[in-house]
Amino acid sequence: VTKLRILAETHVIPRLGKLKLQQLRADHVDEWLDELSNDLATRTLRDVHSVLKRATRQAQARDLVLRNVAELVTTPTGKDGRPSKALTRHQADAMLKAAESSELHAYVVLSLTMGVRTEEARALRWDHVVAWIPSLKAWHPVTEAGFKHKRFAIYVWRADRIGGDTKTRKSRRTLELPKLAAEALRQHHTRQAAHKLKAGEAWQDHNLVFCTNVGTPLDAANVRRAFRHITKNAGIGTDWTPRELRHSFVSIMSDQGVPIETIADLVGHAGTSVTEAVYRHQLKPVITKGAHTMNTIFGDKPTG
């Protein structure tokens, strides 16, 4: 809703708002979209066009216009969007170092070392951070068990989306925490307790792992802004987004020879096709392995 409102207020209302809806013609929509195509990516153009089509559809349903002229126009091709990229190992090390002094430190560590979506990280609750209790042979929330254990995991069962569910059913997964992430969460839990004490009655307890200094959910825009500050301090520029930590995770896993099937499970994809389509630039080109194996077996013998 916020995204569509911004698109309407930025691109629809300023350029078409002076026209009476009954005066709107397909030519107006064509010219408007052609102008926008010089500045916006194709995906954003489709979203902006959709705002106009849906708004006009509402007017049509109330007999304010006879037809929806916005639906008669084809969305043009816009600028190429910036492709997602992945951190190199050196960049990742620099960023982790720069993040140590940031409130987002644990957020960055978790996203980079586990590949969770940024909306999954924002929705993570403390009762979904669990410790393995050997004597009970069971996982228990760290809110009960504490952090004095050897193995930890997170239940990635929620996301900052409408309804609070993850993107797909396959996205619901349980992931064991690497030691770096477990230690970052332990330190983060201690800092959050101090924030809670300082906030006093102003604290709003949503049981969120990542929240503001008064316990409220993090705003995605504020997370992006704070993340850019971290990457700037790391010396890798500000042209990075939190979701690219997930791409970096895939790249690192692939570079270490982890099979694509395992990577797909870790990032919560239903199959490898999505992993290959979305993260193809970050995946190690293992398709050549068959040729290399045959060369080893039979040697590079001349043919014919």
C-alpha atoms as a PDB file:
ATOM      1  CA  VAL A   1       0.000   0.000   0.000  1.00  0.00           C
ATOM      2  CA  THR A   2       2.786   2.408   0.894  1.00  0.00           C
ATOM      3  CA  LYS A   3       4.623   1.619  -2.334  1.00  0.00           C
ATOM      4  CA  LEU A   4       1.550   2.189  -4.511  1.00  0.00           C
ATOM      5  CA  ARG A   5       0.707   5.410  -2.701  1.00  0.00           C
ATOM      6  CA  ILE A   6       4.203   6.729  -3.365  1.00  0.00           C
ATOM      7  CA  LEU A   7       3.928   5.796  -7.046  1.00  0.00           C
ATOM      8  CA  ALA A   8       0.562   7.547  -7.313  1.00  0.00           C
ATOM      9  CA  GLU A   9       1.770  10.692  -5.561  1.00  0.00           C
ATOM     10  CA  THR A  10       5.040  10.796  -7.504  1.00  0.00           C
ATOM     11  CA  HIS A  11       4.070   9.807 -11.033  1.00  0.00           C
ATOM     12  CA  VAL A  12       0.295   9.705 -11.530  1.00  0.00           C
ATOM     13  CA  ILE A  13      -1.211  12.695  -9.750  1.00  0.00           C
ATOM     14  CA  PRO A  14       1.414  15.351 -10.715  1.00  0.00           C
ATOM     15  CA  ARG A  15       1.230  14.487 -14.440  1.00  0.00           C
ATOM     16  CA  LEU A  16      -2.386  13.467 -14.937  1.00  0.00           C
ATOM     17  CA  GLY A  17      -4.130  14.904 -11.907  1.00  0.00           C
ATOM     18  CA  LYS A  18      -5.262  18.111 -13.648  1.00  0.00           C
ATOM     19  CA  LEU A  19      -7.309  16.174 -16.198  1.00  0.00           C
ATOM     20  CA  LYS A  20     -10.933  15.349 -15.484  1.00  0.00           C
ATOM     21  CA  LEU A  21     -11.321  11.584 -15.609  1.00  0.00           C
ATOM     22  CA  GLN A  22     -13.987  11.816 -18.325  1.00  0.00           C
ATOM     23  CA  GLN A  23     -11.522  13.794 -20.445  1.00  0.00           C
ATOM     24  CA  LEU A  24      -8.751  11.204 -20.124  1.00  0.00           C
ATOM     25  CA  ARG A  25      -7.914   9.606 -23.462  1.00  0.00           C
ATOM     26  CA  ALA A  26      -5.686   6.720 -24.471  1.00  0.00           C
ATOM     27  CA  ASP A  27      -3.340   9.229 -26.131  1.00  0.00           C
ATOM     28  CA  HIS A  28      -2.863  10.965 -22.776  1.00  0.00           C
ATOM     29  CA  VAL A  29      -1.929   7.662 -21.148  1.00  0.00           C
ATOM     30  CA  ASP A  30       0.415   6.794 -24.044  1.00  0.00           C
ATOM     31  CA  GLU A  31       2.266  10.103 -23.830  1.00  0.00           C
ATOM     32  CA  TRP A  32       2.447   9.900 -20.044  1.00  0.00           C
ATOM     33  CA  LEU A  33       3.963   6.399 -20.073  1.00  0.00           C
ATOM     34  CA  ASP A  34       6.386   7.287 -22.875  1.00  0.00           C
ATOM     35  CA  GLU A  35       7.720  10.191 -20.814  1.00  0.00           C
ATOM     36  CA  LEU A  36       8.112   7.989 -17.751  1.00  0.00           C
ATOM     37  CA  SER A  37       9.873   5.268 -19.760  1.00  0.00           C
ATOM     38  CA  ASN A  38      12.950   7.499 -20.009  1.00  0.00           C
ATOM     39  CA  ASP A  39      13.363   7.498 -16.229  1.00  0.00           C
ATOM     40  CA  LEU A  40      11.730   4.355 -14.817  1.00  0.00           C
ATOM     41  CA  ALA A  41      12.522   0.661 -15.069  1.00  0.00           C
ATOM     42  CA  THR A  42      10.024  -1.560 -16.863  1.00  0.00           C
ATOM     43  CA  ARG A  43       8.849  -3.156 -13.620  1.00  0.00           C
ATOM     44  CA  THR A  44       8.122   0.261 -12.076  1.00  0.00           C
ATOM     45  CA  LEU A  45       6.349   1.376 -15.251  1.00  0.00           C
ATOM     46  CA  ARG A  46       4.034  -1.631 -14.981  1.00  0.00           C
ATOM     47  CA  ASP A  47       3.291  -0.793 -11.357  1.00  0.00           C
ATOM     48  CA  VAL A  48       2.545   2.857 -12.160  1.00  0.00           C
ATOM     49  CA  HIS A  49       0.329   1.881 -15.089  1.00  0.00           C
ATOM     50  CA  SER A  50      -1.462  -0.594 -12.812  1.00  0.00           C
ATOM     51  CA  VAL A  51      -2.246   2.191 -10.323  1.00  0.00           C
ATOM     52  CA  LEU A  52      -4.004   4.177 -13.050  1.00  0.00           C
ATOM     53  CA  LYS A  53      -5.844   1.145 -14.439  1.00  0.00           C
ATOM     54  CA  ARG A  54      -7.139   0.107 -11.027  1.00  0.00           C
ATOM     55  CA  ALA A  55      -8.181   3.630 -10.079  1.00  0.00           C
ATOM     56  CA  THR A  56     -10.042   4.069 -13.371  1.00  0.00           C
ATOM     57  CA  ARG A  57     -11.658   0.647 -12.916  1.00  0.00           C
ATOM     58  CA  GLN A  58     -13.116   1.877  -9.623  1.00  0.00           C
ATOM     59  CA  ALA A  59     -14.565   4.927 -11.399  1.00  0.00           C
ATOM     60  CA  GLN A  60     -15.983   2.704 -14.154  1.00  0.00           C
ATOM     61  CA  ALA A  61     -17.694   0.483 -11.579  1.00  0.00           C
ATOM     62  CA  ARG A  62     -19.452   3.592 -10.217  1.00  0.00           C
ATOM     63  CA  ASP A  63     -20.554   4.779 -13.682  1.00  0.00           C
ATOM     64  CA  LEU A  64     -18.256   7.816 -13.586  1.00  0.00           C
ATOM     65  CA  VAL A  65     -16.641   6.794 -16.897  1.00  0.00           C
ATOM     66  CA  LEU A  66     -17.896   4.532 -19.676  1.00  0.00           C
ATOM     67  CA  ARG A  67     -14.628   2.711 -20.347  1.00  0.00           C
ATOM     68  CA  ASN A  68     -11.185   2.268 -18.844  1.00  0.00           C
ATOM     69  CA  VAL A  69      -8.867   3.907 -21.377  1.00  0.00           C
ATOM     70  CA  ALA A  70      -5.820   2.994 -19.273  1.00  0.00           C
ATOM     71  CA  GLU A  71      -6.448  -0.677 -20.105  1.00  0.00           C
ATOM     72  CA  LEU A  72      -6.355   0.055 -23.849  1.00  0.00           C
ATOM     73  CA  VAL A  73      -2.683   1.066 -23.668  1.00  0.00           C
ATOM     74  CA  THR A  74       0.282  -1.311 -23.596  1.00  0.00           C
ATOM     75  CA  THR A  75       2.973  -0.584 -21.007  1.00  0.00           C
ATOM     76  CA  PRO A  76       6.177   0.417 -22.845  1.00  0.00           C
ATOM     77  CA  THR A  77       9.640  -0.902 -22.057  1.00  0.00           C
ATOM     78  CA  GLY A  78      11.509   1.260 -19.581  1.00  0.00           C
ATOM     79  CA  LYS A  79      15.110   1.543 -18.526  1.00  0.00           C
ATOM     80  CA  ASP A  80      16.982  -1.590 -17.583  1.00  0.00           C
ATOM     81  CA  GLY A  81      16.802  -2.050 -13.843  1.00  0.00           C
ATOM     82  CA  ARG A  82      20.008  -2.408 -11.875  1.00  0.00           C
ATOM     83  CA  PRO A  83      20.781  -6.127 -11.595  1.00  0.00           C
ATOM     84  CA  SER A  84      21.367  -7.443  -8.119  1.00  0.00           C
ATOM     85  CA  LYS A  85      24.976  -8.137  -7.222  1.00  0.00           C
ATOM     86  CA  ALA A  86      26.888 -10.053  -4.599  1.00  0.00           C
ATOM     87  CA  LEU A  87      29.700  -9.136  -2.259  1.00  0.00           C
ATOM     88  CA  THR A  88      33.119 -10.637  -2.809  1.00  0.00           C
ATOM     89  CA  ARG A  89      34.695 -12.366   0.177  1.00  0.00           C
ATOM     90  CA  HIS A  90      36.929  -9.313   0.760  1.00  0.00           C
ATOM     91  CA  GLN A  91      33.939  -6.947   0.591  1.00  0.00           C
ATOM     92  CA  ALA A  92      31.935  -9.173   2.930  1.00  0.00           C
ATOM     93  CA  ASP A  93      34.746  -9.150   5.507  1.00  0.00           C
ATOM     94  CA  ALA A  94      35.024  -5.353   5.275  1.00  0.00           C
ATOM     95  CA  MET A  95      31.275  -4.939   5.673  1.00  0.00           C
ATOM     96  CA  LEU A  96      31.072  -7.242   8.697  1.00  0.00           C
ATOM     97  CA  LYS A  97      33.846  -5.226  10.326  1.00  0.00           C
ATOM     98  CA  ALA A  98      32.089  -1.925   9.581  1.00  0.00           C
ATOM     99  CA  ALA A  99      28.785  -3.299  10.921  1.00  0.00           C
ATOM    100  CA  GLU A 100      30.214  -4.101  14.365  1.00  0.00           C
ATOM    101  CA  SER A 101      29.440  -0.606  15.676  1.00  0.00           C
ATOM    102  CA  SER A 102      25.971  -0.495  14.087  1.00  0.00           C
ATOM    103  CA  GLU A 103      22.596  -1.377  15.587  1.00  0.00           C
ATOM    104  CA  LEU A 104      22.172  -3.515  12.462  1.00  0.00           C
ATOM    105  CA  HIS A 105      25.193  -5.694  13.207  1.00  0.00           C
ATOM    106  CA  ALA A 106      23.253  -8.864  14.051  1.00  0.00           C
ATOM    107  CA  TYR A 107      20.816  -8.164  11.208  1.00  0.00           C
ATOM    108  CA  VAL A 108      23.680  -8.004   8.710  1.00  0.00           C
ATOM    109  CA  VAL A 109      25.426 -11.089  10.096  1.00  0.00           C
ATOM    110  CA  LEU A 110      22.220 -13.134  10.055  1.00  0.00           C
ATOM    111  CA  SER A 111      21.310 -12.084   6.511  1.00  0.00           C
ATOM    112  CA  LEU A 112      24.786 -12.713   5.112  1.00  0.00           C
ATOM    113  CA  THR A 113      25.489 -16.031   6.820  1.00  0.00           C
ATOM    114  CA  MET A 114      22.011 -17.559   6.489  1.00  0.00           C
ATOM    115  CA  GLY A 115      20.503 -16.038   3.352  1.00  0.00           C
ATOM    116  CA  VAL A 116      17.220 -15.002   4.962  1.00  0.00           C
ATOM    117  CA  ARG A 117      15.071 -12.473   3.117  1.00  0.00           C
ATOM    118  CA  THR A 118      15.162  -8.990   4.594  1.00  0.00           C
ATOM    119  CA  GLU A 119      11.407  -9.165   5.338  1.00  0.00           C
ATOM    120  CA  GLU A 120      11.989 -12.477   7.141  1.00  0.00           C
ATOM    121  CA  ALA A 121      14.705 -10.913   9.292  1.00  0.00           C
ATOM    122  CA  ARG A 122      12.470  -7.957  10.228  1.00  0.00           C
ATOM    123  CA  ALA A 123       9.692 -10.335  11.326  1.00  0.00           C
ATOM    124  CA  LEU A 124      11.886 -12.709  13.362  1.00  0.00           C
ATOM    125  CA  ARG A 125      10.762 -13.142  16.985  1.00  0.00           C
ATOM    126  CA  TRP A 126      12.841 -14.170  19.958  1.00  0.00           C
ATOM    127  CA  ASP A 127      10.701 -17.261  20.562  1.00  0.00           C
ATOM    128  CA  HIS A 128      11.791 -18.407  17.094  1.00  0.00           C
ATOM    129  CA  VAL A 129      15.474 -18.273  18.079  1.00  0.00           C
ATOM    130  CA  VAL A 130      16.081 -21.638  19.710  1.00  0.00           C
ATOM    131  CA  ALA A 131      18.859 -23.498  21.509  1.00  0.00           C
ATOM    132  CA  TRP A 132      19.486 -27.250  21.458  1.00  0.00           C
ATOM    133  CA  ILE A 133      19.250 -28.811  24.928  1.00  0.00           C
ATOM    134  CA  PRO A 134      21.141 -32.150  24.787  1.00  0.00           C
ATOM    135  CA  SER A 135      19.659 -33.509  28.021  1.00  0.00           C
ATOM    136  CA  LEU A 136      16.134 -32.974  26.690  1.00  0.00           C
ATOM    137  CA  LYS A 137      17.009 -33.745  23.072  1.00  0.00           C
ATOM    138  CA  ALA A 138      14.894 -30.783  21.996  1.00  0.00           C
ATOM    139  CA  TRP A 139      15.062 -27.181  20.813  1.00  0.00           C
ATOM    140  CA  HIS A 140      13.899 -24.506  23.262  1.00  0.00           C
ATOM    141  CA  PRO A 141      13.513 -20.721  22.762  1.00  0.00           C
ATOM    142  CA  VAL A 142      16.496 -18.706  23.972  1.00  0.00           C
ATOM    143  CA  THR A 143      14.019 -16.630  25.982  1.00  0.00           C
ATOM    144  CA  GLU A 144      13.781 -19.714  28.231  1.00  0.00           C
ATOM    145  CA  ALA A 145      17.067 -21.519  27.612  1.00  0.00           C
ATOM    146  CA  GLY A 146      19.427 -18.556  27.329  1.00  0.00           C
ATOM    147  CA  PHE A 147      22.553 -18.419  25.181  1.00  0.00           C
ATOM    148  CA  LYS A 148      24.874 -20.687  27.192  1.00  0.00           C
ATOM    149  CA  HIS A 149      24.611 -23.547  24.729  1.00  0.00           C
ATOM    150  CA  LYS A 150      26.556 -24.871  21.742  1.00  0.00           C
ATOM    151  CA  ARG A 151      23.883 -25.144  19.037  1.00  0.00           C
ATOM    152  CA  PHE A 152      21.275 -22.624  17.973  1.00  0.00           C
ATOM    153  CA  ALA A 153      18.732 -22.342  15.186  1.00  0.00           C
ATOM    154  CA  ILE A 154      16.018 -20.034  13.932  1.00  0.00           C
ATOM    155  CA  TYR A 155      12.506 -20.821  12.751  1.00  0.00           C
ATOM    156  CA  VAL A 156      11.998 -18.807   9.577  1.00  0.00           C
ATOM    157  CA  TRP A 157       8.220 -19.023   9.751  1.00  0.00           C
ATOM    158  CA  ARG A 158       7.194 -15.382   9.452  1.00  0.00           C
ATOM    159  CA  ALA A 159       7.820 -12.395   7.185  1.00  0.00           C
ATOM    160  CA  ASP A 160       7.018  -8.698   7.158  1.00  0.00           C
ATOM    161  CA  ARG A 161       4.241  -9.222   4.615  1.00  0.00           C
ATOM    162  CA  ILE A 162       0.456  -8.998   4.584  1.00  0.00           C
ATOM    163  CA  GLY A 163      -0.791 -11.761   6.890  1.00  0.00           C
ATOM    164  CA  GLY A 164       2.676 -12.195   8.404  1.00  0.00           C
ATOM    165  CA  ASP A 165       3.414 -15.396   6.472  1.00  0.00           C
ATOM    166  CA  THR A 166       6.525 -16.224   4.487  1.00  0.00           C
ATOM    167  CA  LYS A 167       6.624 -15.709   0.719  1.00  0.00           C
ATOM    168  CA  THR A 168       5.710 -19.352  -0.030  1.00  0.00           C
ATOM    169  CA  ARG A 169       5.043 -22.518   2.004  1.00  0.00           C
ATOM    170  CA  LYS A 170       8.505 -23.785   1.054  1.00  0.00           C
ATOM    171  CA  SER A 171       9.956 -20.605   2.545  1.00  0.00           C
ATOM    172  CA  ARG A 172       9.031 -21.889   6.014  1.00  0.00           C
ATOM    173  CA  ARG A 173      12.235 -23.518   7.163  1.00  0.00           C
ATOM    174  CA  THR A 174      14.405 -24.145  10.209  1.00  0.00           C
ATOM    175  CA  LEU A 175      18.060 -23.152   9.900  1.00  0.00           C
ATOM    176  CA  GLU A 176      20.895 -23.899  12.289  1.00  0.00           C
ATOM    177  CA  LEU A 177      22.891 -20.800  13.178  1.00  0.00           C
ATOM    178  CA  PRO A 178      26.599 -20.577  12.394  1.00  0.00           C
ATOM    179  CA  LYS A 179      28.679 -19.537  15.391  1.00  0.00           C
ATOM    180  CA  LEU A 180      29.186 -16.001  14.040  1.00  0.00           C
ATOM    181  CA  ALA A 181      25.432 -15.421  13.821  1.00  0.00           C
ATOM    182  CA  ALA A 182      24.733 -16.989  17.221  1.00  0.00           C
ATOM    183  CA  GLU A 183      27.290 -14.738  18.912  1.00  0.00           C
ATOM    184  CA  ALA A 184      25.939 -11.662  17.113  1.00  0.00           C
ATOM    185  CA  LEU A 185      22.418 -12.473  18.309  1.00  0.00           C
ATOM    186  CA  ARG A 186      23.644 -13.031  21.862  1.00  0.00           C
ATOM    187  CA  GLN A 187      25.259  -9.571  21.920  1.00  0.00           C
ATOM    188  CA  HIS A 188      22.193  -8.064  20.259  1.00  0.00           C
ATOM    189  CA  HIS A 189      19.923  -9.589  22.913  1.00  0.00           C
ATOM    190  CA  THR A 190      22.014  -7.962  25.647  1.00  0.00           C
ATOM    191  CA  ARG A 191      21.903  -4.542  23.918  1.00  0.00           C
ATOM    192  CA  GLN A 192      18.171  -4.822  23.375  1.00  0.00           C
ATOM    193  CA  ALA A 193      17.634  -5.521  27.078  1.00  0.00           C
ATOM    194  CA  ALA A 194      19.456  -2.261  27.840  1.00  0.00           C
ATOM    195  CA  HIS A 195      17.252  -0.372  25.348  1.00  0.00           C
ATOM    196  CA  LYS A 196      14.156  -1.876  26.946  1.00  0.00           C
ATOM    197  CA  LEU A 197      15.272  -0.799  30.414  1.00  0.00           C
ATOM    198  CA  LYS A 198      16.049   2.716  29.174  1.00  0.00           C
ATOM    199  CA  ALA A 199      12.718   3.057  27.350  1.00  0.00           C
ATOM    200  CA  GLY A 200      10.717   2.064  30.410  1.00  0.00           C
ATOM    201  CA  GLU A 201       6.976   2.462  29.890  1.00  0.00           C
ATOM    202  CA  ALA A 202       7.542   3.654  26.327  1.00  0.00           C
ATOM    203  CA  TRP A 203       8.695   0.158  25.330  1.00  0.00           C
ATOM    204  CA  GLN A 204       6.225  -1.701  23.099  1.00  0.00           C
ATOM    205  CA  ASP A 205       6.875  -5.416  23.421  1.00  0.00           C
ATOM    206  CA  HIS A 206       6.345  -7.185  20.098  1.00  0.00           C
ATOM    207  CA  ASN A 207       8.972  -9.818  20.967  1.00  0.00           C
ATOM    208  CA  LEU A 208      10.853  -8.850  17.803  1.00  0.00           C
ATOM    209  CA  VAL A 209      14.544  -9.659  17.434  1.00  0.00           C
ATOM    210  CA  PHE A 210      15.108  -6.567  15.304  1.00  0.00           C
ATOM    211  CA  CYS A 211      13.172  -3.477  16.315  1.00  0.00           C
ATOM    212  CA  THR A 212      13.511   0.203  17.142  1.00  0.00           C
ATOM    213  CA  ASN A 213      14.796   1.504  20.482  1.00  0.00           C
ATOM    214  CA  VAL A 214      11.205   1.403  21.799  1.00  0.00           C
ATOM    215  CA  GLY A 215      10.374  -2.077  20.522  1.00  0.00           C
ATOM    216  CA  THR A 216       8.351  -1.163  17.431  1.00  0.00           C
ATOM    217  CA  PRO A 217       8.884  -2.906  14.056  1.00  0.00           C
ATOM    218  CA  LEU A 218      11.696  -1.646  11.854  1.00  0.00           C
ATOM    219  CA  ASP A 219      10.785   0.385   8.784  1.00  0.00           C
ATOM    220  CA  ALA A 220      12.253  -1.085   5.589  1.00  0.00           C
ATOM    221  CA  ALA A 221      13.381   2.350   4.344  1.00  0.00           C
ATOM    222  CA  ASN A 222      15.253   3.012   7.591  1.00  0.00           C
ATOM    223  CA  VAL A 223      16.959  -0.375   7.320  1.00  0.00           C
ATOM    224  CA  ARG A 224      18.121   0.455   3.783  1.00  0.00           C
ATOM    225  CA  ARG A 225      19.419   3.851   4.928  1.00  0.00           C
ATOM    226  CA  ALA A 226      21.358   2.364   7.853  1.00  0.00           C
ATOM    227  CA  PHE A 227      22.727  -0.381   5.602  1.00  0.00           C
ATOM    228  CA  ARG A 228      24.063   2.166   3.115  1.00  0.00           C
ATOM    229  CA  HIS A 229      25.869   3.862   5.992  1.00  0.00           C
ATOM    230  CA  ILE A 230      27.533   0.532   6.830  1.00  0.00           C
ATOM    231  CA  THR A 231      28.639  -0.142   3.251  1.00  0.00           C
ATOM    232  CA  LYS A 232      29.980   3.393   2.984  1.00  0.00           C
ATOM    233  CA  ASN A 233      32.083   2.898   6.121  1.00  0.00           C
ATOM    234  CA  ALA A 234      33.260  -0.421   4.686  1.00  0.00           C
ATOM    235  CA  GLY A 235      34.661   1.419   1.676  1.00  0.00           C
ATOM    236  CA  ILE A 236      32.497  -0.390  -0.876  1.00  0.00           C
ATOM    237  CA  GLY A 237      30.179   2.493  -1.746  1.00  0.00           C
ATOM    238  CA  THR A 238      26.487   3.091  -1.087  1.00  0.00           C
ATOM    239  CA  ASP A 239      25.007   1.338  -4.124  1.00  0.00           C
ATOM    240  CA  TRP A 240      23.965  -1.710  -2.113  1.00  0.00           C
ATOM    241  CA  THR A 241      20.669  -2.946  -0.641  1.00  0.00           C
ATOM    242  CA  PRO A 242      20.013  -5.359   2.265  1.00  0.00           C
ATOM    243  CA  ARG A 243      18.506  -7.965  -0.098  1.00  0.00           C
ATOM    244  CA  GLU A 244      21.920  -8.296  -1.749  1.00  0.00           C
ATOM    245  CA  LEU A 245      23.178  -9.938   1.427  1.00  0.00           C
ATOM    246  CA  ARG A 246      20.994 -12.866   0.350  1.00  0.00           C
ATOM    247  CA  HIS A 247      22.614 -12.851  -3.096  1.00  0.00           C
ATOM    248  CA  SER A 248      26.003 -12.774  -1.400  1.00  0.00           C
ATOM    249  CA  PHE A 249      25.058 -15.797   0.701  1.00  0.00           C
ATOM    250  CA  VAL A 250      24.190 -17.746  -2.464  1.00  0.00           C
ATOM    251  CA  SER A 251      27.473 -16.690  -4.074  1.00  0.00           C
ATOM    252  CA  ILE A 252      29.546 -17.732  -1.067  1.00  0.00           C
ATOM    253  CA  MET A 253      27.755 -21.093  -0.776  1.00  0.00           C
ATOM    254  CA  SER A 254      28.235 -21.756  -4.491  1.00  0.00           C
ATOM    255  CA  ASP A 255      31.921 -20.812  -4.390  1.00  0.00           C
ATOM    256  CA  GLN A 256      32.391 -23.369  -1.625  1.00  0.00           C
ATOM    257  CA  GLY A 257      30.947 -26.092  -3.841  1.00  0.00           C
ATOM    258  CA  VAL A 258      27.585 -26.411  -2.072  1.00  0.00           C
ATOM    259  CA  PRO A 259      25.114 -28.139  -4.474  1.00  0.00           C
ATOM    260  CA  ILE A 260      22.379 -25.918  -5.914  1.00  0.00           C
ATOM    261  CA  GLU A 261      19.720 -28.222  -4.421  1.00  0.00           C
ATOM    262  CA  THR A 262      21.065 -27.494  -0.938  1.00  0.00           C
ATOM    263  CA  ILE A 263      21.293 -23.755  -1.649  1.00  0.00           C
ATOM    264  CA  ALA A 264      17.656 -23.757  -2.826  1.00  0.00           C
ATOM    265  CA  ASP A 265      16.596 -25.417   0.455  1.00  0.00           C
ATOM    266  CA  LEU A 266      18.601 -22.936   2.527  1.00  0.00           C
ATOM    267  CA  VAL A 267      17.092 -19.862   0.868  1.00  0.00           C
ATOM    268  CA  GLY A 268      13.577 -21.297   0.888  1.00  0.00           C
ATOM    269  CA  HIS A 269      12.961 -21.919  -2.811  1.00  0.00           C
ATOM    270  CA  ALA A 270      10.489 -24.600  -3.902  1.00  0.00           C
ATOM    271  CA  GLY A 271      12.995 -25.897  -6.459  1.00  0.00           C
ATOM    272  CA  THR A 272      16.265 -25.079  -8.145  1.00  0.00           C
ATOM    273  CA  SER A 273      14.681 -23.290 -11.126  1.00  0.00           C
ATOM    274  CA  VAL A 274      13.982 -20.129  -9.114  1.00  0.00           C
ATOM    275  CA  THR A 275      17.444 -20.228  -7.582  1.00  0.00           C
ATOM    276  CA  GLU A 276      19.023 -20.518 -11.025  1.00  0.00           C
ATOM    277  CA  ALA A 277      16.818 -17.813 -12.567  1.00  0.00           C
ATOM    278  CA  VAL A 278      17.185 -15.215  -9.813  1.00  0.00           C
ATOM    279  CA  TYR A 279      20.744 -15.911  -8.691  1.00  0.00           C
ATOM    280  CA  ARG A 280      22.309 -17.147 -11.936  1.00  0.00           C
ATOM    281  CA  HIS A 281      25.073 -14.507 -11.796  1.00  0.00           C
ATOM    282  CA  GLN A 282      26.035 -15.623  -8.292  1.00  0.00           C
ATOM    283  CA  LEU A 283      26.053 -19.365  -8.986  1.00  0.00           C
ATOM    284  CA  LYS A 284      29.267 -21.182  -9.769  1.00  0.00           C
ATOM    285  CA  PRO A 285      29.057 -22.645 -13.300  1.00  0.00           C
ATOM    286  CA  VAL A 286      28.998 -26.301 -12.230  1.00  0.00           C
ATOM    287  CA  ILE A 287      27.391 -27.376 -15.509  1.00  0.00           C
ATOM    288  CA  THR A 288      30.907 -27.859 -16.917  1.00  0.00           C
ATOM    289  CA  LYS A 289      31.692 -30.535 -14.342  1.00  0.00           C
ATOM    290  CA  GLY A 290      30.541 -33.354 -16.668  1.00  0.00           C
ATOM    291  CA  ALA A 291      32.973 -32.302 -19.386  1.00  0.00           C
ATOM    292  CA  HIS A 292      35.831 -31.976 -16.916  1.00  0.00           C
ATOM    293  CA  THR A 293      35.103 -35.442 -15.531  1.00  0.00           C
ATOM    294  CA  MET A 294      35.058 -37.046 -18.973  1.00  0.00           C
ATOM    295  CA  ASN A 295      38.306 -35.282 -19.885  1.00  0.00           C
ATOM    296  CA  THR A 296      39.873 -36.773 -16.785  1.00  0.00           C
ATOM    297  CA  ILE A 297      38.611 -40.284 -17.585  1.00  0.00           C
ATOM    298  CA  PHE A 298      39.346 -40.433 -21.271  1.00  0.00           C
ATOM    299  CA  GLY A 299      41.926 -37.698 -21.654  1.00  0.00           C
ATOM    300  CA  ASP A 300      42.015 -35.048 -24.381  1.00  0.00           C
ATOM    301  CA  LYS A 301      42.431 -37.520 -27.221  1.00  0.00           C
ATOM    302  CA  PRO A 302      42.174 -36.200 -30.779  1.00  0.00           C
ATOM    303  CA  THR A 303      39.071 -37.322 -32.653  1.00  0.00           C
ATOM    304  CA  GLY A 304      38.712 -39.076 -36.018  1.00  0.00           C
END
